[in-house]
Amino acid sequence: MKIGEQVVACVGIRKHEGVKCLAIYGIGEYLGEQIPTDEHPLHPKERFEQPRFAQPMVKIGDITITEWQSPFYTLHDFDNIVGKNLDKPVIQFPIIQRITKDKK
């Protein structure tokens, strides 16, 4: 993926109202690898008190998500995924952010 390229954050196949669907967070701009902030969930390697490390990120609207939250696919690759799952609708799910409390 190239910085600035349009990509799809696809969560995978999920059930929605009893029907299997392709769940996406949306289409956004690929930002490249960046250090996550406290708003982003910890990667498994970071759970053992290791420092944060750069992760691929995408900006969807006002929200930036890491590849740890959802795999990213180019538009071409996502078209192939849809083509293999024509029986499943594509549904956009809301992005759930971790809310951090101010430490004072």
N, C-alpha and C. Protein backbone atom coordinates (compact mmCIF):
# COMPACT_ATOMS: atom_id res chain seq x y z
N MET A 1 0.84 -1.18 0.00
CA MET A 1 0.00 0.00 0.00
C MET A 1 0.88 1.24 0.00
N LYS A 2 0.40 2.26 -0.64
CA LYS A 2 1.13 3.52 -0.72
C LYS A 2 0.44 4.58 0.13
N ILE A 3 1.21 5.47 0.72
CA ILE A 3 0.64 6.55 1.53
C ILE A 3 -0.28 7.38 0.64
N GLY A 4 -1.47 7.68 1.14
CA GLY A 4 -2.46 8.46 0.41
C GLY A 4 -3.44 7.62 -0.39
N GLU A 5 -3.15 6.33 -0.54
CA GLU A 5 -4.02 5.43 -1.30
C GLU A 5 -5.32 5.18 -0.53
N GLN A 6 -6.41 5.00 -1.26
CA GLN A 6 -7.70 4.68 -0.65
C GLN A 6 -7.73 3.18 -0.33
N VAL A 7 -8.04 2.84 0.91
CA VAL A 7 -8.10 1.45 1.34
C VAL A 7 -9.39 1.21 2.12
N VAL A 8 -9.75 -0.07 2.24
CA VAL A 8 -10.95 -0.47 2.97
C VAL A 8 -10.51 -1.16 4.26
N ALA A 9 -11.10 -0.74 5.38
CA ALA A 9 -10.88 -1.41 6.66
C ALA A 9 -12.01 -2.42 6.81
N CYS A 10 -11.70 -3.70 6.56
CA CYS A 10 -12.71 -4.76 6.57
C CYS A 10 -12.49 -5.64 7.79
N VAL A 11 -13.51 -5.77 8.59
CA VAL A 11 -13.43 -6.55 9.83
C VAL A 11 -13.54 -8.04 9.53
N GLY A 12 -14.23 -8.41 8.46
CA GLY A 12 -14.42 -9.81 8.10
C GLY A 12 -15.89 -10.12 7.97
N ILE A 13 -16.22 -11.38 8.08
CA ILE A 13 -17.62 -11.81 7.97
C ILE A 13 -18.22 -11.83 9.36
N ARG A 14 -19.33 -11.15 9.54
CA ARG A 14 -20.04 -11.07 10.82
C ARG A 14 -21.53 -11.31 10.57
N LYS A 15 -22.24 -11.66 11.64
CA LYS A 15 -23.69 -11.77 11.55
C LYS A 15 -24.32 -10.45 11.93
N HIS A 16 -25.26 -9.99 11.13
CA HIS A 16 -25.98 -8.75 11.40
C HIS A 16 -27.45 -9.03 11.16
N GLU A 17 -28.24 -8.95 12.22
CA GLU A 17 -29.67 -9.22 12.15
C GLU A 17 -29.93 -10.60 11.54
N GLY A 18 -29.11 -11.58 11.95
CA GLY A 18 -29.31 -12.95 11.52
C GLY A 18 -28.77 -13.29 10.14
N VAL A 19 -28.13 -12.34 9.48
CA VAL A 19 -27.61 -12.57 8.12
C VAL A 19 -26.10 -12.36 8.14
N LYS A 20 -25.37 -13.29 7.51
CA LYS A 20 -23.92 -13.11 7.40
C LYS A 20 -23.63 -12.00 6.41
N CYS A 21 -22.68 -11.12 6.76
CA CYS A 21 -22.35 -9.99 5.90
C CYS A 21 -20.85 -9.73 5.97
N LEU A 22 -20.36 -8.95 5.00
CA LEU A 22 -18.99 -8.45 5.05
C LEU A 22 -19.03 -7.17 5.86
N ALA A 23 -18.37 -7.17 6.99
CA ALA A 23 -18.39 -6.01 7.89
C ALA A 23 -17.18 -5.12 7.60
N ILE A 24 -17.45 -3.84 7.33
CA ILE A 24 -16.36 -2.89 7.11
C ILE A 24 -16.51 -1.72 8.06
N TYR A 25 -15.39 -1.06 8.33
CA TYR A 25 -15.42 0.20 9.08
C TYR A 25 -15.55 1.37 8.12
N GLY A 26 -15.14 1.16 6.88
CA GLY A 26 -15.25 2.21 5.89
C GLY A 26 -14.05 2.27 4.97
N ILE A 27 -14.07 3.25 4.10
CA ILE A 27 -12.97 3.50 3.17
C ILE A 27 -12.23 4.74 3.65
N GLY A 28 -10.92 4.65 3.70
CA GLY A 28 -10.14 5.78 4.19
C GLY A 28 -8.81 5.91 3.49
N GLU A 29 -8.02 6.86 3.96
CA GLU A 29 -6.72 7.16 3.39
C GLU A 29 -5.63 6.47 4.19
N TYR A 30 -4.79 5.73 3.49
CA TYR A 30 -3.67 5.04 4.13
C TYR A 30 -2.62 6.06 4.54
N LEU A 31 -2.23 6.06 5.83
CA LEU A 31 -1.30 7.04 6.38
C LEU A 31 0.12 6.51 6.52
N GLY A 32 0.32 5.23 6.27
CA GLY A 32 1.63 4.63 6.48
C GLY A 32 1.76 4.16 7.92
N GLU A 33 2.99 3.84 8.32
CA GLU A 33 3.21 3.37 9.69
C GLU A 33 3.45 4.55 10.61
N GLN A 34 2.71 4.58 11.71
CA GLN A 34 2.84 5.63 12.71
C GLN A 34 2.75 5.02 14.09
N ILE A 35 3.22 5.76 15.07
CA ILE A 35 3.11 5.30 16.46
C ILE A 35 1.68 5.54 16.93
N PRO A 36 1.00 4.49 17.43
CA PRO A 36 -0.36 4.68 17.95
C PRO A 36 -0.39 5.56 19.18
N THR A 37 -1.55 6.16 19.44
CA THR A 37 -1.74 6.98 20.64
C THR A 37 -2.45 6.14 21.70
N ASP A 38 -2.73 6.74 22.83
CA ASP A 38 -3.44 6.03 23.90
C ASP A 38 -4.86 5.63 23.49
N GLU A 39 -5.42 6.27 22.45
CA GLU A 39 -6.77 5.93 22.00
C GLU A 39 -6.82 4.57 21.32
N HIS A 40 -5.67 4.08 20.85
CA HIS A 40 -5.63 2.83 20.11
C HIS A 40 -5.37 1.66 21.05
N PRO A 41 -6.02 0.53 20.79
CA PRO A 41 -5.81 -0.63 21.66
C PRO A 41 -4.37 -1.14 21.56
N LEU A 42 -3.93 -1.80 22.61
CA LEU A 42 -2.58 -2.34 22.64
C LEU A 42 -2.47 -3.55 21.72
N HIS A 43 -1.38 -3.62 21.01
CA HIS A 43 -1.04 -4.79 20.22
C HIS A 43 -0.59 -5.87 21.22
N PRO A 44 -0.76 -7.16 20.90
CA PRO A 44 -0.36 -8.18 21.88
C PRO A 44 1.07 -8.03 22.39
N LYS A 45 2.00 -7.62 21.53
CA LYS A 45 3.39 -7.46 21.97
C LYS A 45 3.52 -6.32 22.98
N GLU A 46 2.61 -5.35 22.93
CA GLU A 46 2.69 -4.20 23.82
C GLU A 46 2.08 -4.49 25.20
N ARG A 47 1.38 -5.58 25.32
CA ARG A 47 0.74 -5.91 26.60
C ARG A 47 1.73 -6.32 27.66
N PHE A 48 2.93 -6.67 27.26
CA PHE A 48 3.94 -7.13 28.20
C PHE A 48 4.96 -6.05 28.49
N GLU A 49 4.44 -4.82 28.67
CA GLU A 49 5.22 -3.65 29.06
C GLU A 49 6.35 -3.31 28.10
N GLN A 50 6.16 -3.67 26.83
CA GLN A 50 7.11 -3.24 25.82
C GLN A 50 6.64 -1.90 25.28
N PRO A 51 7.55 -1.08 24.75
CA PRO A 51 7.14 0.22 24.22
C PRO A 51 6.26 0.07 22.99
N ARG A 52 5.48 1.09 22.72
CA ARG A 52 4.65 1.09 21.53
C ARG A 52 5.53 1.09 20.29
N PHE A 53 5.05 0.45 19.24
CA PHE A 53 5.82 0.46 18.01
C PHE A 53 4.92 0.89 16.86
N ALA A 54 5.52 1.34 15.78
CA ALA A 54 4.77 1.86 14.64
C ALA A 54 3.90 0.77 14.03
N GLN A 55 2.68 1.16 13.64
CA GLN A 55 1.73 0.26 13.01
C GLN A 55 1.12 0.95 11.80
N PRO A 56 0.72 0.18 10.77
CA PRO A 56 0.02 0.77 9.64
C PRO A 56 -1.28 1.41 10.13
N MET A 57 -1.60 2.61 9.61
CA MET A 57 -2.80 3.34 10.04
C MET A 57 -3.59 3.86 8.85
N VAL A 58 -4.89 3.99 9.06
CA VAL A 58 -5.81 4.54 8.06
C VAL A 58 -6.69 5.57 8.74
N LYS A 59 -6.93 6.68 8.05
CA LYS A 59 -7.83 7.72 8.55
C LYS A 59 -9.17 7.56 7.83
N ILE A 60 -10.22 7.28 8.60
CA ILE A 60 -11.57 7.16 8.08
C ILE A 60 -12.38 8.28 8.72
N GLY A 61 -12.75 9.27 7.94
CA GLY A 61 -13.43 10.44 8.49
C GLY A 61 -12.52 11.14 9.48
N ASP A 62 -13.00 11.31 10.72
CA ASP A 62 -12.22 11.98 11.77
C ASP A 62 -11.41 11.00 12.61
N ILE A 63 -11.56 9.71 12.35
CA ILE A 63 -10.96 8.70 13.21
C ILE A 63 -9.80 8.00 12.50
N THR A 64 -8.73 7.79 13.23
CA THR A 64 -7.58 7.05 12.72
C THR A 64 -7.55 5.71 13.42
N ILE A 65 -7.47 4.62 12.63
CA ILE A 65 -7.42 3.28 13.22
C ILE A 65 -6.15 2.58 12.78
N THR A 66 -5.73 1.60 13.59
CA THR A 66 -4.53 0.81 13.28
C THR A 66 -4.95 -0.49 12.62
N GLU A 67 -3.98 -1.11 11.97
CA GLU A 67 -4.26 -2.39 11.33
C GLU A 67 -4.55 -3.46 12.38
N TRP A 68 -4.15 -3.23 13.61
CA TRP A 68 -4.46 -4.15 14.70
C TRP A 68 -5.97 -4.15 14.96
N GLN A 69 -6.64 -3.01 14.75
CA GLN A 69 -8.09 -2.93 14.94
C GLN A 69 -8.85 -3.57 13.79
N SER A 70 -8.31 -3.50 12.59
CA SER A 70 -8.98 -4.04 11.41
C SER A 70 -7.98 -4.18 10.28
N PRO A 71 -7.98 -5.33 9.58
CA PRO A 71 -7.08 -5.46 8.42
C PRO A 71 -7.47 -4.47 7.32
N PHE A 72 -6.47 -4.01 6.57
CA PHE A 72 -6.69 -3.07 5.48
C PHE A 72 -6.54 -3.78 4.14
N TYR A 73 -7.37 -3.40 3.18
CA TYR A 73 -7.31 -3.97 1.84
C TYR A 73 -7.37 -2.84 0.82
N THR A 74 -6.60 -2.98 -0.27
CA THR A 74 -6.72 -2.01 -1.35
C THR A 74 -8.11 -2.18 -1.96
N LEU A 75 -8.58 -1.18 -2.69
CA LEU A 75 -9.90 -1.27 -3.31
C LEU A 75 -9.97 -2.46 -4.25
N HIS A 76 -8.89 -2.73 -4.98
CA HIS A 76 -8.86 -3.87 -5.90
C HIS A 76 -9.00 -5.19 -5.14
N ASP A 77 -8.23 -5.34 -4.05
CA ASP A 77 -8.31 -6.56 -3.24
C ASP A 77 -9.68 -6.72 -2.63
N PHE A 78 -10.28 -5.62 -2.18
CA PHE A 78 -11.61 -5.70 -1.57
C PHE A 78 -12.65 -6.09 -2.62
N ASP A 79 -12.52 -5.60 -3.85
CA ASP A 79 -13.42 -6.03 -4.93
C ASP A 79 -13.35 -7.54 -5.12
N ASN A 80 -12.15 -8.10 -5.02
CA ASN A 80 -12.00 -9.56 -5.14
C ASN A 80 -12.69 -10.29 -3.99
N ILE A 81 -12.58 -9.73 -2.79
CA ILE A 81 -13.25 -10.34 -1.62
C ILE A 81 -14.76 -10.32 -1.82
N VAL A 82 -15.28 -9.17 -2.27
CA VAL A 82 -16.73 -9.07 -2.51
C VAL A 82 -17.15 -10.05 -3.60
N GLY A 83 -16.33 -10.17 -4.65
CA GLY A 83 -16.64 -11.09 -5.74
C GLY A 83 -16.73 -12.53 -5.30
N LYS A 84 -15.97 -12.91 -4.28
CA LYS A 84 -16.01 -14.28 -3.75
C LYS A 84 -17.13 -14.47 -2.75
N ASN A 85 -17.79 -13.38 -2.35
CA ASN A 85 -18.86 -13.44 -1.34
C ASN A 85 -20.09 -12.69 -1.82
N LEU A 86 -20.49 -12.93 -3.06
CA LEU A 86 -21.61 -12.18 -3.64
C LEU A 86 -22.92 -12.39 -2.88
N ASP A 87 -23.04 -13.50 -2.16
CA ASP A 87 -24.26 -13.78 -1.40
C ASP A 87 -24.35 -12.97 -0.10
N LYS A 88 -23.27 -12.27 0.25
CA LYS A 88 -23.25 -11.52 1.52
C LYS A 88 -23.27 -10.02 1.25
N PRO A 89 -24.16 -9.30 1.92
CA PRO A 89 -24.17 -7.84 1.77
C PRO A 89 -22.96 -7.22 2.48
N VAL A 90 -22.55 -6.02 2.04
CA VAL A 90 -21.48 -5.27 2.70
C VAL A 90 -22.14 -4.24 3.60
N ILE A 91 -21.85 -4.31 4.89
CA ILE A 91 -22.46 -3.41 5.87
C ILE A 91 -21.37 -2.67 6.63
N GLN A 92 -21.54 -1.36 6.76
CA GLN A 92 -20.58 -0.55 7.50
C GLN A 92 -20.97 -0.52 8.97
N PHE A 93 -20.04 -0.88 9.82
CA PHE A 93 -20.24 -0.88 11.26
C PHE A 93 -19.54 0.34 11.86
N PRO A 94 -20.04 0.85 12.98
CA PRO A 94 -19.37 2.01 13.60
C PRO A 94 -18.02 1.61 14.18
N ILE A 95 -17.10 2.56 14.16
CA ILE A 95 -15.77 2.34 14.74
C ILE A 95 -15.88 2.62 16.23
N ILE A 96 -15.47 1.65 17.03
CA ILE A 96 -15.53 1.80 18.48
C ILE A 96 -14.15 2.25 18.95
N GLN A 97 -14.11 3.41 19.59
CA GLN A 97 -12.84 3.92 20.10
C GLN A 97 -12.75 3.69 21.58
N ARG A 98 -11.53 3.47 22.03
CA ARG A 98 -11.29 3.35 23.46
C ARG A 98 -11.24 4.75 24.04
N ILE A 99 -12.01 4.99 25.05
CA ILE A 99 -12.04 6.32 25.68
C ILE A 99 -11.08 6.31 26.86
N THR A 100 -10.18 7.26 26.87
CA THR A 100 -9.22 7.35 27.97
C THR A 100 -9.61 8.50 28.89
N LYS A 101 -9.37 8.30 30.16
CA LYS A 101 -9.66 9.34 31.15
C LYS A 101 -8.42 10.19 31.35
N ASP A 102 -8.64 11.46 31.58
CA ASP A 102 -7.52 12.36 31.84
C ASP A 102 -6.90 12.00 33.18
N LYS A 103 -5.58 11.91 33.18
CA LYS A 103 -4.86 11.61 34.43
C LYS A 103 -4.40 12.95 35.02
N LYS A 104 -4.83 13.26 36.22
CA LYS A 104 -4.45 14.52 36.86
C LYS A 104 -3.81 14.27 38.18
